[in-house]
N, C-alpha and C. Protein backbone atom coordinates (compact mmCIF):
# COMPACT_ATOMS: atom_id res chain seq x y z
N UNK A 1 77.30 105.96 142.64
CA UNK A 1 76.92 107.42 142.58
C UNK A 1 77.78 108.19 141.59
N UNK A 2 79.17 108.10 141.73
CA UNK A 2 80.03 108.75 140.86
C UNK A 2 79.97 108.27 139.47
N UNK A 3 79.82 107.02 139.32
CA UNK A 3 79.59 106.44 137.96
C UNK A 3 78.42 107.03 137.29
N UNK A 4 77.32 106.99 137.95
CA UNK A 4 76.10 107.57 137.39
C UNK A 4 76.24 109.05 137.00
N UNK A 5 76.91 109.75 137.93
CA UNK A 5 77.04 111.19 137.70
C UNK A 5 77.96 111.46 136.46
N UNK A 6 79.11 110.70 136.37
CA UNK A 6 80.04 110.82 135.16
C UNK A 6 79.30 110.51 133.89
N UNK A 7 78.54 109.41 133.99
CA UNK A 7 77.79 108.92 132.78
C UNK A 7 76.80 109.95 132.28
N UNK A 8 76.10 110.63 133.23
CA UNK A 8 75.16 111.65 132.87
C UNK A 8 75.80 112.88 132.28
N UNK A 9 76.87 113.30 132.93
CA UNK A 9 77.60 114.51 132.42
C UNK A 9 78.16 114.14 131.04
N UNK A 10 78.77 113.00 130.85
CA UNK A 10 79.38 112.70 129.62
C UNK A 10 78.26 112.57 128.52
N UNK A 11 77.25 111.94 128.83
CA UNK A 11 76.16 111.82 127.89
C UNK A 11 75.47 113.13 127.51
N UNK A 12 75.42 114.13 128.42
CA UNK A 12 74.92 115.41 128.10
C UNK A 12 75.83 116.16 127.13
N UNK A 13 77.18 116.13 127.35
CA UNK A 13 78.14 116.68 126.55
C UNK A 13 78.07 116.10 125.12
N UNK A 14 77.95 114.84 125.06
CA UNK A 14 77.88 114.14 123.78
C UNK A 14 76.61 114.57 123.01
N UNK A 15 75.48 114.68 123.74
CA UNK A 15 74.22 115.18 123.11
C UNK A 15 74.33 116.51 122.55
N UNK A 16 75.04 117.46 123.28
CA UNK A 16 75.29 118.84 122.78
C UNK A 16 76.19 118.85 121.58
N UNK A 17 77.20 118.02 121.54
CA UNK A 17 78.08 117.93 120.38
C UNK A 17 77.29 117.42 119.11
N UNK A 18 76.46 116.29 119.33
CA UNK A 18 75.77 115.81 118.28
C UNK A 18 74.71 116.74 117.71
N UNK A 19 74.17 117.59 118.61
CA UNK A 19 73.15 118.60 118.24
C UNK A 19 73.75 119.66 117.27
N UNK A 20 74.96 120.07 117.46
CA UNK A 20 75.57 121.07 116.66
C UNK A 20 76.51 120.66 115.53
N UNK A 21 76.98 119.36 115.59
CA UNK A 21 77.99 118.90 114.57
C UNK A 21 77.48 117.69 113.92
N UNK A 22 76.47 116.97 114.36
CA UNK A 22 76.07 115.77 113.74
C UNK A 22 74.69 115.80 113.37
N UNK A 23 74.29 115.32 112.20
CA UNK A 23 72.94 115.21 111.82
C UNK A 23 72.43 113.78 112.29
N UNK A 24 72.24 113.81 113.64
CA UNK A 24 71.98 112.52 114.27
C UNK A 24 70.54 112.19 114.21
N UNK A 25 70.27 110.88 113.94
CA UNK A 25 68.93 110.37 113.91
C UNK A 25 69.00 108.96 114.53
N UNK A 26 67.98 108.64 115.40
CA UNK A 26 67.95 107.26 116.11
C UNK A 26 66.59 106.72 115.69
N UNK A 27 66.61 105.58 115.05
CA UNK A 27 65.38 104.82 114.71
C UNK A 27 65.17 103.73 115.61
N UNK A 28 63.99 103.76 116.38
CA UNK A 28 63.77 102.69 117.38
C UNK A 28 62.72 101.70 116.71
N UNK A 29 63.21 100.45 116.46
CA UNK A 29 62.19 99.43 116.07
C UNK A 29 61.54 98.81 117.23
N UNK A 30 62.17 99.01 118.40
CA UNK A 30 61.59 98.55 119.64
C UNK A 30 62.34 99.29 120.79
N UNK A 31 61.68 99.54 121.92
CA UNK A 31 62.29 100.19 123.01
C UNK A 31 63.32 99.23 123.68
N UNK A 32 64.36 99.76 124.40
CA UNK A 32 65.28 98.93 125.09
C UNK A 32 64.51 98.09 126.19
N UNK A 33 64.80 96.88 126.31
CA UNK A 33 64.19 96.01 127.28
C UNK A 33 64.65 96.44 128.74
N UNK A 34 63.75 96.17 129.69
CA UNK A 34 64.09 96.48 131.03
C UNK A 34 65.18 95.57 131.59
N UNK A 35 65.88 96.00 132.61
CA UNK A 35 66.80 95.10 133.14
C UNK A 35 68.15 94.99 132.44
N UNK A 36 69.11 94.15 132.83
CA UNK A 36 70.41 94.04 132.13
C UNK A 36 70.24 93.62 130.74
N UNK A 37 71.03 94.11 129.80
CA UNK A 37 70.99 93.88 128.35
C UNK A 37 72.42 93.99 127.72
N UNK A 38 72.55 93.39 126.66
CA UNK A 38 73.81 93.55 125.92
C UNK A 38 73.50 94.17 124.58
N UNK A 39 74.08 95.44 124.44
CA UNK A 39 73.88 96.22 123.22
C UNK A 39 75.13 95.82 122.33
N UNK A 40 74.74 95.48 121.12
CA UNK A 40 75.77 94.96 120.24
C UNK A 40 75.73 95.75 118.86
N UNK A 41 76.86 96.30 118.51
CA UNK A 41 76.79 97.23 117.21
C UNK A 41 77.93 96.94 116.38
N UNK A 42 77.87 97.42 115.11
CA UNK A 42 79.01 97.42 114.22
C UNK A 42 79.95 98.62 114.67
N UNK A 43 81.03 98.72 114.00
CA UNK A 43 82.09 99.73 114.56
C UNK A 43 82.85 100.48 113.37
N UNK A 44 82.04 101.45 112.74
CA UNK A 44 82.66 102.13 111.59
C UNK A 44 83.68 103.21 112.03
N UNK A 45 83.72 103.69 113.26
CA UNK A 45 84.60 104.78 113.55
C UNK A 45 84.88 104.79 115.10
N UNK A 46 85.99 105.58 115.49
CA UNK A 46 86.41 105.64 116.84
C UNK A 46 85.33 106.42 117.67
N UNK A 47 84.39 107.11 116.95
CA UNK A 47 83.40 108.01 117.61
C UNK A 47 82.20 107.17 118.15
N UNK A 48 82.15 105.82 117.70
CA UNK A 48 80.97 105.08 117.94
C UNK A 48 80.66 104.84 119.50
N UNK A 49 81.69 104.73 120.33
CA UNK A 49 81.35 104.57 121.76
C UNK A 49 80.57 105.77 122.31
N UNK A 50 80.94 106.90 121.81
CA UNK A 50 80.27 108.07 122.37
C UNK A 50 78.77 108.19 121.83
N UNK A 51 78.62 107.72 120.61
CA UNK A 51 77.26 107.69 120.09
C UNK A 51 76.33 106.68 120.77
N UNK A 52 76.90 105.54 121.15
CA UNK A 52 76.09 104.57 121.79
C UNK A 52 75.63 105.05 123.15
N UNK A 53 76.31 105.92 123.75
CA UNK A 53 75.95 106.48 125.13
C UNK A 53 74.60 107.27 125.01
N UNK A 54 74.20 107.63 123.81
CA UNK A 54 72.93 108.36 123.65
C UNK A 54 71.74 107.48 123.64
N UNK A 55 71.99 106.10 123.59
CA UNK A 55 70.80 105.19 123.55
C UNK A 55 70.25 104.92 124.92
N UNK A 56 70.87 105.12 125.99
CA UNK A 56 70.36 104.81 127.25
C UNK A 56 70.67 105.89 128.24
N UNK A 57 69.71 106.25 129.07
CA UNK A 57 69.94 107.26 130.13
C UNK A 57 70.50 106.62 131.40
N UNK A 58 70.49 105.31 131.42
CA UNK A 58 71.19 104.60 132.55
C UNK A 58 72.57 104.12 132.18
N UNK A 59 73.47 104.05 133.12
CA UNK A 59 74.89 103.70 132.75
C UNK A 59 74.95 102.37 131.94
N UNK A 60 75.76 102.39 131.05
CA UNK A 60 76.10 101.13 130.22
C UNK A 60 77.68 101.10 130.15
N UNK A 61 78.19 99.86 130.56
CA UNK A 61 79.60 99.78 130.35
C UNK A 61 80.03 99.21 129.04
N UNK A 62 81.02 99.90 128.43
CA UNK A 62 81.44 99.45 127.08
C UNK A 62 82.69 98.75 126.98
N UNK A 63 82.78 97.64 126.39
CA UNK A 63 84.05 96.96 126.12
C UNK A 63 84.74 97.75 125.05
N UNK A 64 85.96 98.33 125.40
CA UNK A 64 86.63 99.18 124.47
C UNK A 64 88.11 98.84 124.51
N UNK A 65 88.84 99.05 123.41
CA UNK A 65 90.26 98.78 123.39
C UNK A 65 91.01 99.43 124.48
N UNK A 66 91.90 98.61 125.06
CA UNK A 66 92.66 99.19 126.25
C UNK A 66 93.53 100.47 125.80
N UNK A 67 93.78 100.66 124.56
CA UNK A 67 94.54 101.77 124.12
C UNK A 67 93.87 103.11 124.59
N UNK A 68 92.52 103.11 124.40
CA UNK A 68 91.77 104.23 124.75
C UNK A 68 91.90 104.71 126.21
N UNK A 69 92.24 103.74 127.06
CA UNK A 69 92.47 104.01 128.43
C UNK A 69 93.80 104.72 128.69
N UNK A 70 94.60 104.75 127.69
CA UNK A 70 96.00 105.30 127.81
C UNK A 70 95.90 106.76 127.39
N UNK A 71 94.83 107.18 126.82
CA UNK A 71 94.74 108.62 126.33
C UNK A 71 94.46 109.57 127.56
N UNK A 72 95.24 110.56 127.76
CA UNK A 72 95.05 111.46 128.85
C UNK A 72 93.57 111.96 128.96
N UNK A 73 93.13 112.16 130.13
CA UNK A 73 91.75 112.62 130.44
C UNK A 73 90.74 111.60 129.98
N UNK A 74 90.71 111.21 128.75
CA UNK A 74 89.70 110.21 128.31
C UNK A 74 89.88 108.95 129.05
N UNK A 75 91.14 108.48 129.22
CA UNK A 75 91.35 107.20 129.96
C UNK A 75 90.83 107.30 131.42
N UNK A 76 91.10 108.42 131.99
CA UNK A 76 90.68 108.63 133.45
C UNK A 76 89.17 108.55 133.57
N UNK A 77 88.52 109.19 132.47
CA UNK A 77 87.03 109.21 132.55
C UNK A 77 86.51 107.70 132.30
N UNK A 78 87.14 106.96 131.39
CA UNK A 78 86.67 105.67 131.12
C UNK A 78 86.86 104.78 132.37
N UNK A 79 87.89 104.91 133.05
CA UNK A 79 88.11 104.09 134.30
C UNK A 79 87.16 104.49 135.44
N UNK A 80 86.93 105.64 135.58
CA UNK A 80 86.03 106.12 136.65
C UNK A 80 84.51 105.74 136.26
N UNK A 81 84.25 105.70 134.98
CA UNK A 81 82.92 105.30 134.53
C UNK A 81 82.77 103.87 134.54
N UNK A 82 83.78 103.08 134.85
CA UNK A 82 83.72 101.63 134.81
C UNK A 82 83.42 100.91 133.51
N UNK A 83 83.98 101.63 132.51
CA UNK A 83 84.04 100.94 131.16
C UNK A 83 85.08 99.82 131.18
N UNK A 84 85.10 99.00 130.30
CA UNK A 84 85.89 97.74 130.35
C UNK A 84 86.95 97.65 129.30
N UNK A 85 88.25 97.71 129.72
CA UNK A 85 89.38 97.58 128.72
C UNK A 85 89.51 96.27 128.13
N UNK A 86 89.79 96.15 126.84
CA UNK A 86 90.01 94.96 126.17
C UNK A 86 91.46 94.92 125.61
N UNK A 87 92.21 94.01 126.14
CA UNK A 87 93.65 93.94 125.74
C UNK A 87 93.73 92.94 124.56
N UNK A 88 94.37 93.44 123.46
CA UNK A 88 94.53 92.61 122.27
C UNK A 88 95.09 91.23 122.66
N UNK A 89 94.44 90.18 122.10
CA UNK A 89 94.87 88.76 122.30
C UNK A 89 94.79 88.27 123.74
N UNK A 90 94.08 89.15 124.50
CA UNK A 90 94.00 88.76 126.00
C UNK A 90 92.69 89.20 126.48
N UNK A 91 91.54 88.76 125.84
CA UNK A 91 90.27 89.35 126.12
C UNK A 91 89.45 88.65 127.27
N UNK A 92 90.12 87.56 127.81
CA UNK A 92 89.35 86.83 128.90
C UNK A 92 88.90 87.68 130.09
N UNK A 93 89.83 88.58 130.61
CA UNK A 93 89.54 89.37 131.72
C UNK A 93 88.35 90.28 131.35
N UNK A 94 88.35 90.90 130.16
CA UNK A 94 87.22 91.75 129.79
C UNK A 94 85.96 90.98 129.73
N UNK A 95 85.98 89.73 129.15
CA UNK A 95 84.79 88.92 129.19
C UNK A 95 84.27 88.61 130.48
N UNK A 96 85.18 88.29 131.44
CA UNK A 96 84.74 88.02 132.78
C UNK A 96 84.15 89.19 133.47
N UNK A 97 84.80 90.36 133.28
CA UNK A 97 84.23 91.61 133.89
C UNK A 97 82.90 91.94 133.36
N UNK A 98 82.74 91.74 131.98
CA UNK A 98 81.44 92.06 131.42
C UNK A 98 80.34 91.10 131.93
N UNK A 99 80.73 89.85 132.03
CA UNK A 99 79.81 88.80 132.54
C UNK A 99 79.38 89.15 134.02
N UNK A 100 80.32 89.61 134.89
CA UNK A 100 80.05 89.95 136.21
C UNK A 100 79.08 91.09 136.25
N UNK A 101 79.23 92.09 135.46
CA UNK A 101 78.40 93.28 135.41
C UNK A 101 76.94 92.91 135.03
N UNK A 102 76.86 92.05 133.93
CA UNK A 102 75.55 91.64 133.47
C UNK A 102 74.82 90.82 134.53
N UNK A 103 75.51 89.93 135.24
CA UNK A 103 74.87 89.10 136.23
C UNK A 103 74.51 89.97 137.41
N UNK A 104 75.15 91.12 137.66
CA UNK A 104 74.76 92.00 138.75
C UNK A 104 73.69 92.98 138.42
N UNK A 105 73.14 92.84 137.23
CA UNK A 105 72.03 93.70 136.83
C UNK A 105 72.33 94.83 136.05
N UNK A 106 73.60 95.02 135.63
CA UNK A 106 74.03 96.20 134.80
C UNK A 106 74.02 95.80 133.32
N UNK A 107 73.99 96.87 132.49
CA UNK A 107 74.04 96.68 131.07
C UNK A 107 75.44 96.90 130.44
N UNK A 108 75.70 96.21 129.35
CA UNK A 108 77.00 96.20 128.69
C UNK A 108 76.78 96.51 127.21
N UNK A 109 77.79 97.12 126.59
CA UNK A 109 77.76 97.32 125.19
C UNK A 109 79.17 96.84 124.59
N UNK A 110 79.06 96.33 123.31
CA UNK A 110 80.32 95.92 122.65
C UNK A 110 80.14 95.94 121.22
N UNK A 111 81.23 96.01 120.44
CA UNK A 111 81.27 95.97 119.04
C UNK A 111 81.58 94.56 118.53
N UNK A 112 80.63 93.99 117.85
CA UNK A 112 80.69 92.53 117.46
C UNK A 112 81.91 92.19 116.51
N UNK A 113 82.39 93.22 115.82
CA UNK A 113 83.45 93.03 114.89
C UNK A 113 84.85 92.91 115.64
N UNK A 114 84.76 93.48 116.88
CA UNK A 114 86.06 93.48 117.61
C UNK A 114 87.11 94.50 117.08
N UNK A 115 86.79 95.17 116.05
CA UNK A 115 87.76 96.18 115.52
C UNK A 115 86.94 97.08 114.59
N UNK A 116 87.65 98.08 114.04
CA UNK A 116 86.98 99.05 113.06
C UNK A 116 86.46 98.18 111.92
N UNK A 117 85.37 98.60 111.37
CA UNK A 117 84.97 98.09 110.06
C UNK A 117 86.05 98.65 109.01
N UNK A 118 86.25 97.98 107.95
CA UNK A 118 87.05 98.52 106.92
C UNK A 118 86.71 99.97 106.49
N UNK A 119 87.52 100.95 106.54
CA UNK A 119 87.25 102.25 106.19
C UNK A 119 86.73 102.52 104.80
N UNK A 120 87.18 101.61 103.92
CA UNK A 120 86.64 101.69 102.49
C UNK A 120 85.29 101.10 102.31
N UNK A 121 84.75 100.43 103.36
CA UNK A 121 83.38 99.85 103.29
C UNK A 121 83.41 98.36 103.63
N UNK A 122 82.27 97.87 104.00
CA UNK A 122 82.06 96.58 104.42
C UNK A 122 82.21 96.33 105.91
N UNK A 123 82.37 95.06 106.33
CA UNK A 123 82.39 94.74 107.69
C UNK A 123 83.38 93.61 107.96
N UNK A 124 83.86 93.61 109.26
CA UNK A 124 84.74 92.55 109.68
C UNK A 124 83.91 91.24 110.02
N UNK A 125 84.61 90.13 110.16
CA UNK A 125 83.97 88.94 110.59
C UNK A 125 83.55 89.15 112.05
N UNK A 126 82.40 88.61 112.47
CA UNK A 126 81.90 88.84 113.82
C UNK A 126 82.74 87.97 114.87
N UNK A 127 82.94 88.51 116.02
CA UNK A 127 83.59 87.67 117.07
C UNK A 127 82.38 86.99 117.84
N UNK A 128 82.70 86.03 118.63
CA UNK A 128 81.69 85.20 119.30
C UNK A 128 81.36 85.65 120.73
N UNK A 129 82.12 86.75 121.19
CA UNK A 129 81.98 87.13 122.57
C UNK A 129 80.53 87.58 122.98
N UNK A 130 79.79 88.19 122.01
CA UNK A 130 78.43 88.74 122.30
C UNK A 130 77.52 87.51 122.59
N UNK A 131 77.56 86.52 121.68
CA UNK A 131 76.66 85.37 121.95
C UNK A 131 77.04 84.64 123.18
N UNK A 132 78.37 84.49 123.48
CA UNK A 132 78.82 83.76 124.67
C UNK A 132 78.39 84.50 125.90
N UNK A 133 78.43 85.85 125.94
CA UNK A 133 78.08 86.64 127.03
C UNK A 133 76.53 86.57 127.26
N UNK A 134 75.74 86.64 126.21
CA UNK A 134 74.25 86.64 126.32
C UNK A 134 73.81 85.33 126.86
N UNK A 135 74.45 84.23 126.34
CA UNK A 135 74.10 82.82 126.78
C UNK A 135 74.44 82.72 128.27
N UNK A 136 75.60 83.12 128.63
CA UNK A 136 76.18 82.91 129.94
C UNK A 136 75.38 83.67 130.92
N UNK A 137 74.96 84.95 130.62
CA UNK A 137 74.30 85.83 131.55
C UNK A 137 72.76 85.73 131.52
N UNK A 138 72.26 85.07 130.39
CA UNK A 138 70.85 85.06 130.26
C UNK A 138 70.25 86.41 130.00
N UNK A 139 70.88 87.24 129.23
CA UNK A 139 70.33 88.62 128.91
C UNK A 139 70.02 88.69 127.43
N UNK A 140 69.13 89.62 127.06
CA UNK A 140 68.82 89.84 125.63
C UNK A 140 69.90 90.61 124.93
N UNK A 141 70.13 90.34 123.70
CA UNK A 141 71.03 91.19 122.87
C UNK A 141 70.16 92.24 122.11
N UNK A 142 70.65 93.45 122.22
CA UNK A 142 69.96 94.55 121.42
C UNK A 142 70.89 94.88 120.24
N UNK A 143 70.53 94.44 119.00
CA UNK A 143 71.38 94.86 117.92
C UNK A 143 71.26 96.33 117.41
N UNK A 144 72.31 96.93 117.13
CA UNK A 144 72.29 98.33 116.65
C UNK A 144 73.17 98.50 115.35
N UNK A 145 72.52 99.12 114.38
CA UNK A 145 73.28 99.42 113.11
C UNK A 145 73.67 100.78 113.06
N UNK A 146 74.96 101.13 112.90
CA UNK A 146 75.45 102.43 112.91
C UNK A 146 75.86 102.78 111.42
N UNK A 147 75.18 103.76 110.87
CA UNK A 147 75.51 104.13 109.49
C UNK A 147 76.02 105.61 109.48
N UNK A 148 77.08 105.84 108.75
CA UNK A 148 77.64 107.15 108.59
C UNK A 148 78.16 107.36 107.20
N UNK A 149 78.49 108.59 106.88
CA UNK A 149 79.08 108.84 105.59
C UNK A 149 80.69 108.52 105.64
N UNK A 150 80.95 107.43 105.11
CA UNK A 150 82.42 107.01 105.37
C UNK A 150 83.41 107.91 104.71
N UNK A 151 82.94 108.65 103.65
CA UNK A 151 83.90 109.63 103.05
C UNK A 151 84.30 110.71 104.04
N UNK A 152 83.51 110.91 105.11
CA UNK A 152 83.75 111.92 106.06
C UNK A 152 84.65 111.40 107.26
N UNK A 153 85.02 110.23 107.20
CA UNK A 153 85.93 109.74 108.33
C UNK A 153 87.26 110.44 108.18
N UNK A 154 87.75 110.81 109.35
CA UNK A 154 89.05 111.43 109.47
C UNK A 154 90.06 110.63 110.16
N UNK A 155 91.14 110.23 109.54
CA UNK A 155 92.07 109.43 110.18
C UNK A 155 93.11 110.27 110.91
N UNK A 156 93.11 110.07 112.21
CA UNK A 156 94.02 110.90 113.09
C UNK A 156 95.08 109.89 113.67
N UNK A 157 96.35 110.09 113.44
CA UNK A 157 97.32 109.20 114.13
C UNK A 157 97.69 109.67 115.42
N UNK A 158 97.44 108.93 116.44
CA UNK A 158 97.80 109.31 117.80
C UNK A 158 99.00 108.48 118.31
N UNK A 159 99.94 109.21 119.02
CA UNK A 159 101.10 108.51 119.55
C UNK A 159 100.85 108.32 120.99
N UNK A 160 100.80 106.94 121.42
CA UNK A 160 100.50 106.58 122.81
C UNK A 160 101.63 105.59 123.18
N UNK A 161 102.33 106.02 124.28
CA UNK A 161 103.45 105.25 124.76
C UNK A 161 104.36 104.76 123.67
N UNK A 162 104.72 105.79 122.84
CA UNK A 162 105.71 105.52 121.79
C UNK A 162 105.25 104.89 120.48
N UNK A 163 103.96 104.49 120.54
CA UNK A 163 103.44 103.76 119.35
C UNK A 163 102.44 104.64 118.65
N UNK A 164 102.32 104.43 117.27
CA UNK A 164 101.42 105.25 116.51
C UNK A 164 100.12 104.41 116.29
N UNK A 165 99.00 104.95 116.66
CA UNK A 165 97.75 104.30 116.43
C UNK A 165 96.76 105.13 115.59
N UNK A 166 96.40 104.65 114.32
CA UNK A 166 95.49 105.33 113.51
C UNK A 166 94.06 105.21 114.09
N UNK A 167 93.45 106.37 114.22
CA UNK A 167 92.10 106.39 114.82
C UNK A 167 91.12 107.09 113.79
N UNK A 168 90.10 106.40 113.37
CA UNK A 168 89.18 106.93 112.43
C UNK A 168 87.95 107.67 113.11
N UNK A 169 88.11 108.96 113.12
CA UNK A 169 87.09 109.79 113.89
C UNK A 169 85.99 110.16 112.84
N UNK A 170 84.74 110.33 113.43
CA UNK A 170 83.69 110.88 112.60
C UNK A 170 83.19 112.11 113.43
N UNK A 171 83.58 113.29 112.83
CA UNK A 171 83.38 114.53 113.65
C UNK A 171 82.21 115.31 113.14
N UNK A 172 81.85 115.23 111.89
CA UNK A 172 80.73 115.99 111.28
C UNK A 172 79.96 115.12 110.26
N UNK A 173 78.73 115.41 110.08
CA UNK A 173 77.94 114.77 109.07
C UNK A 173 76.78 113.97 109.58
N UNK A 174 76.08 113.30 108.68
CA UNK A 174 74.90 112.52 109.09
C UNK A 174 75.29 111.18 109.71
N UNK A 175 74.57 110.94 110.80
CA UNK A 175 74.81 109.65 111.54
C UNK A 175 73.48 109.06 111.89
N UNK A 176 73.30 107.81 111.55
CA UNK A 176 72.00 107.21 111.83
C UNK A 176 72.24 105.85 112.67
N UNK A 177 71.57 105.77 113.78
CA UNK A 177 71.62 104.45 114.53
C UNK A 177 70.28 103.88 114.51
N UNK A 178 70.19 102.68 114.09
CA UNK A 178 68.97 101.92 114.04
C UNK A 178 68.96 100.80 115.07
N UNK A 179 68.06 100.93 116.02
CA UNK A 179 67.98 99.90 117.17
C UNK A 179 66.97 98.85 116.84
N UNK A 180 67.37 97.65 116.80
CA UNK A 180 66.47 96.51 116.42
C UNK A 180 65.81 95.92 117.68
N UNK A 181 64.96 94.95 117.33
CA UNK A 181 64.26 94.32 118.46
C UNK A 181 65.24 93.35 119.25
N UNK A 182 65.00 93.18 120.44
CA UNK A 182 65.88 92.37 121.29
C UNK A 182 65.92 90.89 120.72
N UNK A 183 66.98 90.26 120.88
CA UNK A 183 67.17 88.86 120.50
C UNK A 183 67.49 88.05 121.72
N UNK A 184 66.72 86.98 121.95
CA UNK A 184 66.87 86.13 123.14
C UNK A 184 67.49 84.84 122.79
N UNK A 185 68.58 84.47 123.33
CA UNK A 185 69.36 83.23 123.01
C UNK A 185 69.39 82.32 124.17
N UNK A 186 69.26 81.01 123.97
CA UNK A 186 69.39 80.02 124.89
C UNK A 186 70.26 78.91 124.36
N UNK A 187 70.94 78.11 125.23
CA UNK A 187 71.65 77.07 124.70
C UNK A 187 73.02 76.93 125.41
N UNK A 188 73.81 75.91 125.01
CA UNK A 188 75.08 75.67 125.68
C UNK A 188 76.15 76.53 125.06
N UNK A 189 76.77 77.36 125.85
CA UNK A 189 77.78 78.25 125.44
C UNK A 189 79.02 77.49 124.95
N UNK A 190 79.16 76.22 125.34
CA UNK A 190 80.20 75.42 124.87
C UNK A 190 80.07 74.78 123.49
N UNK A 191 78.84 74.96 122.91
CA UNK A 191 78.56 74.37 121.60
C UNK A 191 79.10 75.40 120.62
N UNK A 192 80.28 75.21 120.25
CA UNK A 192 81.00 76.12 119.34
C UNK A 192 80.38 76.38 118.05
N UNK A 193 79.93 75.30 117.31
CA UNK A 193 79.27 75.56 116.04
C UNK A 193 78.00 76.41 116.20
N UNK A 194 77.21 76.18 117.24
CA UNK A 194 76.00 76.95 117.45
C UNK A 194 76.36 78.40 117.80
N UNK A 195 77.36 78.63 118.54
CA UNK A 195 77.86 79.95 118.99
C UNK A 195 78.26 80.75 117.75
N UNK A 196 79.07 80.07 116.88
CA UNK A 196 79.49 80.75 115.69
C UNK A 196 78.32 81.08 114.84
N UNK A 197 77.46 80.17 114.64
CA UNK A 197 76.29 80.36 113.74
C UNK A 197 75.42 81.50 114.23
N UNK A 198 75.10 81.57 115.48
CA UNK A 198 74.38 82.71 116.07
C UNK A 198 75.08 84.00 115.93
N UNK A 199 76.39 83.96 116.13
CA UNK A 199 77.22 85.19 115.89
C UNK A 199 77.05 85.78 114.42
N UNK A 200 77.07 84.88 113.45
CA UNK A 200 76.87 85.36 112.14
C UNK A 200 75.43 85.77 111.89
N UNK A 201 74.51 85.19 112.51
CA UNK A 201 73.05 85.64 112.42
C UNK A 201 72.96 87.09 112.85
N UNK A 202 73.59 87.36 114.01
CA UNK A 202 73.40 88.63 114.68
C UNK A 202 74.13 89.71 113.75
N UNK A 203 75.35 89.22 113.24
CA UNK A 203 76.00 90.20 112.37
C UNK A 203 75.24 90.56 111.16
N UNK A 204 74.51 89.55 110.58
CA UNK A 204 73.63 89.88 109.39
C UNK A 204 72.47 90.76 109.84
N UNK A 205 71.93 90.57 111.03
CA UNK A 205 70.97 91.46 111.50
C UNK A 205 71.41 92.93 111.63
N UNK A 206 72.60 93.08 112.10
CA UNK A 206 73.20 94.39 112.30
C UNK A 206 73.41 95.06 110.93
N UNK A 207 73.92 94.25 110.05
CA UNK A 207 74.20 94.68 108.67
C UNK A 207 72.85 95.23 108.06
N UNK A 208 71.78 94.43 108.27
CA UNK A 208 70.41 94.88 107.70
C UNK A 208 69.97 96.20 108.40
N UNK A 209 70.21 96.28 109.70
CA UNK A 209 69.94 97.66 110.40
C UNK A 209 70.74 98.75 109.79
N UNK A 210 72.05 98.49 109.51
CA UNK A 210 72.88 99.54 108.83
C UNK A 210 72.18 99.95 107.52
N UNK A 211 71.78 98.92 106.77
CA UNK A 211 71.13 99.23 105.50
C UNK A 211 69.95 100.09 105.59
N UNK A 212 69.15 99.79 106.66
CA UNK A 212 67.91 100.59 106.83
C UNK A 212 68.27 102.03 107.26
N UNK A 213 69.31 102.21 108.02
CA UNK A 213 69.78 103.58 108.30
C UNK A 213 70.31 104.30 107.06
N UNK A 214 70.96 103.58 106.18
CA UNK A 214 71.45 104.13 104.93
C UNK A 214 70.35 104.78 104.11
N UNK A 215 69.21 104.17 104.16
CA UNK A 215 68.11 104.63 103.39
C UNK A 215 67.60 105.99 103.80
N UNK A 216 67.83 106.32 105.01
CA UNK A 216 67.38 107.58 105.51
C UNK A 216 68.48 108.74 105.61
N UNK A 217 69.69 108.41 105.25
CA UNK A 217 70.76 109.35 105.34
C UNK A 217 71.09 109.92 103.94
């Protein structure tokens, strides 16, 4: 109950912000499938998790860097909303928690690059977690391409527990999210070459969706 309430309140506030400060447009190539699903997107800015919340009226748990959970107020909200912290070089716990939520009928979202896209342009190599989760849980992958005006990214250095973390925020400007058709995968999650190949296919699909969004911004 608390999680659903927090998600709704947060989503409402994000929608209000987007209305006044972002030229937001969402292109749906297909509706979100019913039941648990894995939403997979590229990651051009620190603002992306907030934007993804606008895609679903039902709670979605996001795999997000554990650093965000250390930010006052935001970290508390993330924990109460049951988002999933990802610790650098120790992502097994996050994977297991995401798998548990998917198998219990909940939806999860993650960024396939595992880090920000290069601020100067382009994309990082895809991680294999999305494919492994989808195969293990038997849920569809919903690819999402996020396109924004990179020249409007604002780098804000935050000091958290004595360390400096650069955060690339997107606070104003055109933003386009293109939601692709669900991708259904089957196979052996231990088949490493297959998992890697499928991860690259999904990355290429997301890049194509980003390109479609770019045409409209």
